[in-house]
Each structure stands twice: as structure tokens, then as C-alpha cells.
Amino acid sequence: MNSTEKYVGSKEEFYFFLKDEIIKLFKDKLKIEGTRVLIPDDEKLDYEFNYVKDENYGNLSIKVSWGQKQLQEEEFFNEFFKEFTKQDIQNDVDVNIQENIQQESSMVIDKVLTMDKY
């Protein structure tokens, strides 16, 4: 489940907003889109700050995670196919091409043999 809430305000408004939300978070009272945010007391937390800035843009993210995320279908296939090397894929392509050539050439021979009977 993903929940997001967005706000706009000044730096001062952000300070008071963040202060209030942090207090709610650590009292297990923070809700995002009606979903209570509960950070476990007995698990190791991974937390990071990410800061991106250029001339006209800035972005600060604070991320906290715990546990092990279940892979979505697309992520699962990406992880699964990472294990294949380019050589594995090329070998599979080469084998398929050879099989197709053999099937096509046998089909041509069958047609020629069939036509010879008439």
C-alpha cells in the first residue's frame, strides 16, 4: 500500500509542520491518507537523507525503511533476468535461429518430396 500527502508552505510553516508530524509519528498517531504509520520498536531501521540541487531546483527526501519488501511482479522479473548474462541470451538466440533454419529447411525438403510424387 502506498500513501502520499502533499503540502505547500514557507520554510517556517514547514518547520512547525515537520515538528508536529514527528511528534505524532513517535506517539504512533501519524496518519497518511487515513492509514496509521507504525514504525516497529524491535526492528533495525534503515534511514537516509537524499539532497539534490541545481540552479533552479532542490529536493530533500527523508526515507525510513524496515523489514523486507515483497517484490512486485515487474521487480521480480527484473531481478530474475539480471542473472542471465548477455552470452546466455545470445546462446539462446543462436539455438532458436538454428532450430528455425532446420525446421524451415526440412519443410522445404518435405514440399519438394511431396511435389516429386505428383
N, C-alpha and C. Protein backbone atom coordinates (compact mmCIF):
# COMPACT_ATOMS: atom_id res chain seq x y z
N MET A 1 0.85 -1.17 0.00
CA MET A 1 0.00 0.00 0.00
C MET A 1 0.90 1.24 0.00
N ASN A 2 0.62 2.16 -0.89
CA ASN A 2 1.34 3.42 -0.94
C ASN A 2 0.39 4.54 -0.57
N SER A 3 0.83 5.43 0.29
CA SER A 3 0.03 6.59 0.67
C SER A 3 0.92 7.82 0.59
N THR A 4 0.37 8.89 0.07
CA THR A 4 1.14 10.12 -0.07
C THR A 4 0.24 11.30 0.26
N GLU A 5 0.80 12.25 0.97
CA GLU A 5 0.13 13.52 1.20
C GLU A 5 1.11 14.61 0.83
N LYS A 6 0.63 15.66 0.18
CA LYS A 6 1.49 16.76 -0.25
C LYS A 6 0.99 18.06 0.35
N TYR A 7 1.94 18.92 0.68
CA TYR A 7 1.64 20.21 1.27
C TYR A 7 2.52 21.28 0.63
N VAL A 8 2.09 22.51 0.76
CA VAL A 8 2.86 23.64 0.27
C VAL A 8 2.89 24.69 1.37
N GLY A 9 4.03 25.31 1.61
CA GLY A 9 4.12 26.35 2.62
C GLY A 9 5.51 26.95 2.64
N SER A 10 5.71 27.85 3.55
CA SER A 10 7.00 28.51 3.70
C SER A 10 7.95 27.62 4.51
N LYS A 11 9.19 28.06 4.61
CA LYS A 11 10.17 27.33 5.41
C LYS A 11 9.73 27.27 6.87
N GLU A 12 9.21 28.37 7.38
CA GLU A 12 8.74 28.41 8.78
C GLU A 12 7.55 27.47 8.97
N GLU A 13 6.60 27.51 8.04
CA GLU A 13 5.44 26.60 8.12
C GLU A 13 5.90 25.14 8.06
N PHE A 14 6.88 24.86 7.22
CA PHE A 14 7.42 23.51 7.11
C PHE A 14 8.03 23.07 8.44
N TYR A 15 8.75 23.96 9.09
CA TYR A 15 9.36 23.63 10.39
C TYR A 15 8.30 23.19 11.39
N PHE A 16 7.24 23.99 11.56
CA PHE A 16 6.21 23.65 12.55
C PHE A 16 5.42 22.40 12.12
N PHE A 17 5.19 22.26 10.83
CA PHE A 17 4.51 21.06 10.31
C PHE A 17 5.34 19.82 10.63
N LEU A 18 6.62 19.88 10.29
CA LEU A 18 7.50 18.73 10.50
C LEU A 18 7.61 18.38 11.98
N LYS A 19 7.74 19.40 12.81
CA LYS A 19 7.83 19.18 14.26
C LYS A 19 6.58 18.46 14.77
N ASP A 20 5.42 18.93 14.36
CA ASP A 20 4.16 18.30 14.80
C ASP A 20 4.03 16.87 14.27
N GLU A 21 4.40 16.67 13.02
CA GLU A 21 4.27 15.33 12.43
C GLU A 21 5.24 14.34 13.06
N ILE A 22 6.42 14.77 13.39
CA ILE A 22 7.40 13.89 14.06
C ILE A 22 6.89 13.47 15.43
N ILE A 23 6.31 14.41 16.15
CA ILE A 23 5.74 14.07 17.47
C ILE A 23 4.64 13.02 17.30
N LYS A 24 3.75 13.23 16.32
CA LYS A 24 2.69 12.24 16.06
C LYS A 24 3.28 10.89 15.66
N LEU A 25 4.32 10.91 14.83
CA LEU A 25 4.95 9.67 14.36
C LEU A 25 5.45 8.84 15.53
N PHE A 26 6.15 9.47 16.46
CA PHE A 26 6.74 8.71 17.56
C PHE A 26 5.74 8.39 18.67
N LYS A 27 4.56 8.96 18.59
CA LYS A 27 3.48 8.57 19.50
C LYS A 27 2.51 7.59 18.82
N ASP A 28 2.87 7.11 17.64
CA ASP A 28 2.05 6.19 16.84
C ASP A 28 0.69 6.79 16.48
N LYS A 29 0.65 8.09 16.27
CA LYS A 29 -0.60 8.77 15.94
C LYS A 29 -0.59 9.41 14.56
N LEU A 30 0.51 9.27 13.83
CA LEU A 30 0.60 9.86 12.49
C LEU A 30 -0.22 9.03 11.52
N LYS A 31 -1.05 9.70 10.74
CA LYS A 31 -1.83 9.04 9.69
C LYS A 31 -1.55 9.73 8.37
N ILE A 32 -1.40 8.92 7.34
CA ILE A 32 -1.25 9.43 5.98
C ILE A 32 -2.37 8.82 5.15
N GLU A 33 -3.19 9.68 4.59
CA GLU A 33 -4.40 9.26 3.87
C GLU A 33 -5.23 8.29 4.70
N GLY A 34 -5.32 8.55 6.00
CA GLY A 34 -6.13 7.73 6.88
C GLY A 34 -5.46 6.45 7.38
N THR A 35 -4.25 6.18 6.90
CA THR A 35 -3.53 4.98 7.33
C THR A 35 -2.52 5.35 8.40
N ARG A 36 -2.60 4.67 9.54
CA ARG A 36 -1.68 4.95 10.63
C ARG A 36 -0.28 4.43 10.28
N VAL A 37 0.71 5.26 10.54
CA VAL A 37 2.10 4.90 10.30
C VAL A 37 2.68 4.36 11.60
N LEU A 38 3.06 3.10 11.58
CA LEU A 38 3.62 2.46 12.77
C LEU A 38 5.03 1.97 12.46
N ILE A 39 5.99 2.58 13.08
CA ILE A 39 7.38 2.15 12.94
C ILE A 39 7.65 1.15 14.06
N PRO A 40 8.11 -0.06 13.71
CA PRO A 40 8.31 -1.08 14.74
C PRO A 40 9.42 -0.70 15.72
N ASP A 41 9.21 -1.07 16.98
CA ASP A 41 10.19 -0.79 18.02
C ASP A 41 11.33 -1.81 18.05
N ASP A 42 11.06 -3.01 17.51
CA ASP A 42 12.00 -4.10 17.67
C ASP A 42 12.73 -4.49 16.38
N GLU A 43 12.72 -3.61 15.39
CA GLU A 43 13.42 -3.90 14.13
C GLU A 43 14.45 -2.83 13.86
N LYS A 44 15.49 -3.24 13.16
CA LYS A 44 16.52 -2.28 12.76
C LYS A 44 15.95 -1.41 11.62
N LEU A 45 16.16 -0.11 11.73
CA LEU A 45 15.66 0.83 10.74
C LEU A 45 16.79 1.27 9.82
N ASP A 46 16.48 1.38 8.55
CA ASP A 46 17.39 2.00 7.59
C ASP A 46 16.84 3.38 7.31
N TYR A 47 17.66 4.40 7.50
CA TYR A 47 17.18 5.75 7.23
C TYR A 47 18.25 6.52 6.48
N GLU A 48 17.78 7.39 5.61
CA GLU A 48 18.71 8.14 4.77
C GLU A 48 18.13 9.50 4.42
N PHE A 49 19.04 10.41 4.17
CA PHE A 49 18.71 11.72 3.64
C PHE A 49 19.21 11.75 2.22
N ASN A 50 18.43 12.32 1.33
CA ASN A 50 18.84 12.49 -0.05
C ASN A 50 18.62 13.96 -0.43
N TYR A 51 19.66 14.59 -0.92
CA TYR A 51 19.59 16.01 -1.27
C TYR A 51 20.06 16.19 -2.70
N VAL A 52 19.20 16.78 -3.52
CA VAL A 52 19.51 17.06 -4.92
C VAL A 52 19.30 18.54 -5.15
N LYS A 53 20.27 19.19 -5.79
CA LYS A 53 20.13 20.62 -6.03
C LYS A 53 20.85 21.00 -7.31
N ASP A 54 20.24 21.86 -8.06
CA ASP A 54 20.91 22.51 -9.17
C ASP A 54 20.52 23.98 -9.15
N GLU A 55 20.75 24.70 -10.23
CA GLU A 55 20.48 26.14 -10.26
C GLU A 55 19.05 26.51 -9.90
N ASN A 56 18.10 25.78 -10.46
CA ASN A 56 16.69 26.16 -10.35
C ASN A 56 15.84 25.18 -9.56
N TYR A 57 16.45 24.21 -8.93
CA TYR A 57 15.65 23.14 -8.33
C TYR A 57 16.35 22.59 -7.10
N GLY A 58 15.56 22.16 -6.13
CA GLY A 58 16.10 21.47 -4.96
C GLY A 58 15.11 20.43 -4.47
N ASN A 59 15.62 19.34 -3.89
CA ASN A 59 14.78 18.27 -3.39
C ASN A 59 15.48 17.63 -2.20
N LEU A 60 14.78 17.57 -1.09
CA LEU A 60 15.29 16.91 0.11
C LEU A 60 14.31 15.80 0.47
N SER A 61 14.82 14.59 0.58
CA SER A 61 13.98 13.44 0.94
C SER A 61 14.54 12.79 2.19
N ILE A 62 13.64 12.37 3.05
CA ILE A 62 14.00 11.59 4.22
C ILE A 62 13.27 10.26 4.08
N LYS A 63 14.02 9.19 4.11
CA LYS A 63 13.43 7.86 3.89
C LYS A 63 13.78 6.95 5.07
N VAL A 64 12.78 6.27 5.59
CA VAL A 64 12.97 5.30 6.66
C VAL A 64 12.35 3.98 6.18
N SER A 65 13.09 2.90 6.29
CA SER A 65 12.54 1.60 5.88
C SER A 65 12.97 0.52 6.87
N TRP A 66 12.21 -0.57 6.87
CA TRP A 66 12.47 -1.70 7.75
C TRP A 66 11.88 -2.93 7.10
N GLY A 67 12.29 -4.08 7.56
CA GLY A 67 11.77 -5.33 7.04
C GLY A 67 12.25 -5.59 5.62
N GLN A 68 11.60 -6.53 4.97
CA GLN A 68 11.96 -6.90 3.62
C GLN A 68 10.76 -6.69 2.71
N LYS A 69 10.94 -5.90 1.68
CA LYS A 69 9.87 -5.57 0.76
C LYS A 69 9.59 -6.75 -0.16
N GLN A 70 8.30 -7.07 -0.32
CA GLN A 70 7.93 -8.10 -1.28
C GLN A 70 8.05 -7.50 -2.67
N LEU A 71 8.67 -8.25 -3.57
CA LEU A 71 8.86 -7.76 -4.92
C LEU A 71 7.55 -7.76 -5.69
N GLN A 72 7.29 -6.68 -6.37
CA GLN A 72 6.16 -6.62 -7.28
C GLN A 72 6.51 -7.47 -8.50
N GLU A 73 5.52 -7.80 -9.32
CA GLU A 73 5.74 -8.69 -10.46
C GLU A 73 6.86 -8.18 -11.37
N GLU A 74 6.84 -6.90 -11.71
CA GLU A 74 7.85 -6.35 -12.61
C GLU A 74 9.23 -6.40 -11.97
N GLU A 75 9.32 -6.06 -10.68
CA GLU A 75 10.60 -6.12 -9.98
C GLU A 75 11.11 -7.55 -9.92
N PHE A 76 10.19 -8.51 -9.71
CA PHE A 76 10.57 -9.92 -9.65
C PHE A 76 11.23 -10.34 -10.96
N PHE A 77 10.59 -10.01 -12.10
CA PHE A 77 11.14 -10.41 -13.39
C PHE A 77 12.46 -9.70 -13.67
N ASN A 78 12.58 -8.44 -13.27
CA ASN A 78 13.85 -7.73 -13.45
C ASN A 78 14.97 -8.41 -12.67
N GLU A 79 14.69 -8.78 -11.41
CA GLU A 79 15.68 -9.47 -10.60
C GLU A 79 16.00 -10.84 -11.18
N PHE A 80 14.98 -11.55 -11.65
CA PHE A 80 15.16 -12.88 -12.21
C PHE A 80 16.05 -12.84 -13.44
N PHE A 81 15.79 -11.88 -14.34
CA PHE A 81 16.53 -11.83 -15.59
C PHE A 81 17.90 -11.18 -15.45
N LYS A 82 18.18 -10.52 -14.32
CA LYS A 82 19.52 -9.99 -14.10
C LYS A 82 20.55 -11.11 -14.07
N GLU A 83 20.11 -12.30 -13.68
CA GLU A 83 21.03 -13.42 -13.55
C GLU A 83 21.48 -13.96 -14.90
N PHE A 84 20.75 -13.64 -15.96
CA PHE A 84 21.15 -14.08 -17.29
C PHE A 84 22.20 -13.13 -17.84
N THR A 85 23.26 -13.69 -18.38
CA THR A 85 24.28 -12.86 -18.99
C THR A 85 23.92 -12.64 -20.46
N LYS A 86 24.58 -11.67 -21.07
CA LYS A 86 24.37 -11.43 -22.50
C LYS A 86 24.72 -12.68 -23.30
N GLN A 87 25.75 -13.41 -22.85
CA GLN A 87 26.16 -14.63 -23.56
C GLN A 87 25.06 -15.69 -23.49
N ASP A 88 24.40 -15.84 -22.33
CA ASP A 88 23.29 -16.79 -22.20
C ASP A 88 22.19 -16.45 -23.19
N ILE A 89 21.85 -15.17 -23.25
CA ILE A 89 20.79 -14.73 -24.15
C ILE A 89 21.19 -14.95 -25.59
N GLN A 90 22.45 -14.62 -25.95
CA GLN A 90 22.92 -14.82 -27.32
C GLN A 90 22.90 -16.30 -27.68
N ASN A 91 23.33 -17.18 -26.73
CA ASN A 91 23.30 -18.62 -26.99
C ASN A 91 21.88 -19.09 -27.26
N ASP A 92 20.91 -18.60 -26.48
CA ASP A 92 19.51 -18.97 -26.69
C ASP A 92 19.03 -18.51 -28.06
N VAL A 93 19.40 -17.29 -28.44
CA VAL A 93 19.01 -16.77 -29.76
C VAL A 93 19.63 -17.61 -30.85
N ASP A 94 20.92 -17.95 -30.71
CA ASP A 94 21.60 -18.76 -31.72
C ASP A 94 20.94 -20.13 -31.87
N VAL A 95 20.60 -20.76 -30.74
CA VAL A 95 19.95 -22.07 -30.78
C VAL A 95 18.59 -21.96 -31.47
N ASN A 96 17.81 -20.94 -31.13
CA ASN A 96 16.50 -20.77 -31.76
C ASN A 96 16.62 -20.52 -33.25
N ILE A 97 17.60 -19.74 -33.64
CA ILE A 97 17.80 -19.48 -35.08
C ILE A 97 18.16 -20.77 -35.79
N GLN A 98 19.07 -21.56 -35.20
CA GLN A 98 19.46 -22.82 -35.81
C GLN A 98 18.27 -23.78 -35.91
N GLU A 99 17.45 -23.85 -34.86
CA GLU A 99 16.28 -24.72 -34.89
C GLU A 99 15.30 -24.27 -35.97
N ASN A 100 15.10 -22.95 -36.09
CA ASN A 100 14.19 -22.43 -37.11
C ASN A 100 14.72 -22.73 -38.51
N ILE A 101 16.02 -22.60 -38.70
CA ILE A 101 16.61 -22.89 -40.02
C ILE A 101 16.41 -24.36 -40.35
N GLN A 102 16.64 -25.24 -39.37
CA GLN A 102 16.47 -26.67 -39.60
C GLN A 102 15.00 -26.98 -39.92
N GLN A 103 14.08 -26.37 -39.17
CA GLN A 103 12.66 -26.62 -39.42
C GLN A 103 12.26 -26.11 -40.79
N GLU A 104 12.72 -24.91 -41.14
CA GLU A 104 12.38 -24.34 -42.44
C GLU A 104 12.99 -25.17 -43.57
N SER A 105 14.24 -25.60 -43.40
CA SER A 105 14.87 -26.39 -44.46
C SER A 105 14.19 -27.75 -44.59
N SER A 106 13.74 -28.34 -43.50
CA SER A 106 13.04 -29.62 -43.59
C SER A 106 11.67 -29.42 -44.22
N MET A 107 11.07 -28.28 -43.97
CA MET A 107 9.78 -28.00 -44.60
C MET A 107 9.95 -27.87 -46.10
N VAL A 108 10.99 -27.24 -46.53
CA VAL A 108 11.24 -27.09 -47.96
C VAL A 108 11.47 -28.47 -48.57
N ILE A 109 12.24 -29.30 -47.92
CA ILE A 109 12.51 -30.65 -48.42
C ILE A 109 11.21 -31.44 -48.48
N ASP A 110 10.36 -31.36 -47.47
CA ASP A 110 9.08 -32.05 -47.48
C ASP A 110 8.25 -31.61 -48.67
N LYS A 111 8.23 -30.32 -48.91
CA LYS A 111 7.43 -29.79 -50.03
C LYS A 111 7.98 -30.32 -51.35
N VAL A 112 9.31 -30.36 -51.45
CA VAL A 112 9.94 -30.84 -52.69
C VAL A 112 9.61 -32.30 -52.87
N LEU A 113 9.70 -33.11 -51.80
CA LEU A 113 9.38 -34.53 -51.90
C LEU A 113 7.92 -34.75 -52.25
N THR A 114 7.06 -33.94 -51.68
CA THR A 114 5.65 -34.06 -51.97
C THR A 114 5.37 -33.72 -53.42
N MET A 115 6.03 -32.72 -53.90
CA MET A 115 5.81 -32.31 -55.30
C MET A 115 6.37 -33.35 -56.24
N ASP A 116 7.44 -34.07 -55.84
CA ASP A 116 8.03 -35.08 -56.70
C ASP A 116 7.06 -36.26 -56.91
N LYS A 117 6.17 -36.49 -55.97
CA LYS A 117 5.23 -37.60 -56.09
C LYS A 117 4.16 -37.34 -57.15
N TYR A 118 3.93 -36.10 -57.50
CA TYR A 118 2.86 -35.80 -58.45
C TYR A 118 3.34 -35.94 -59.82
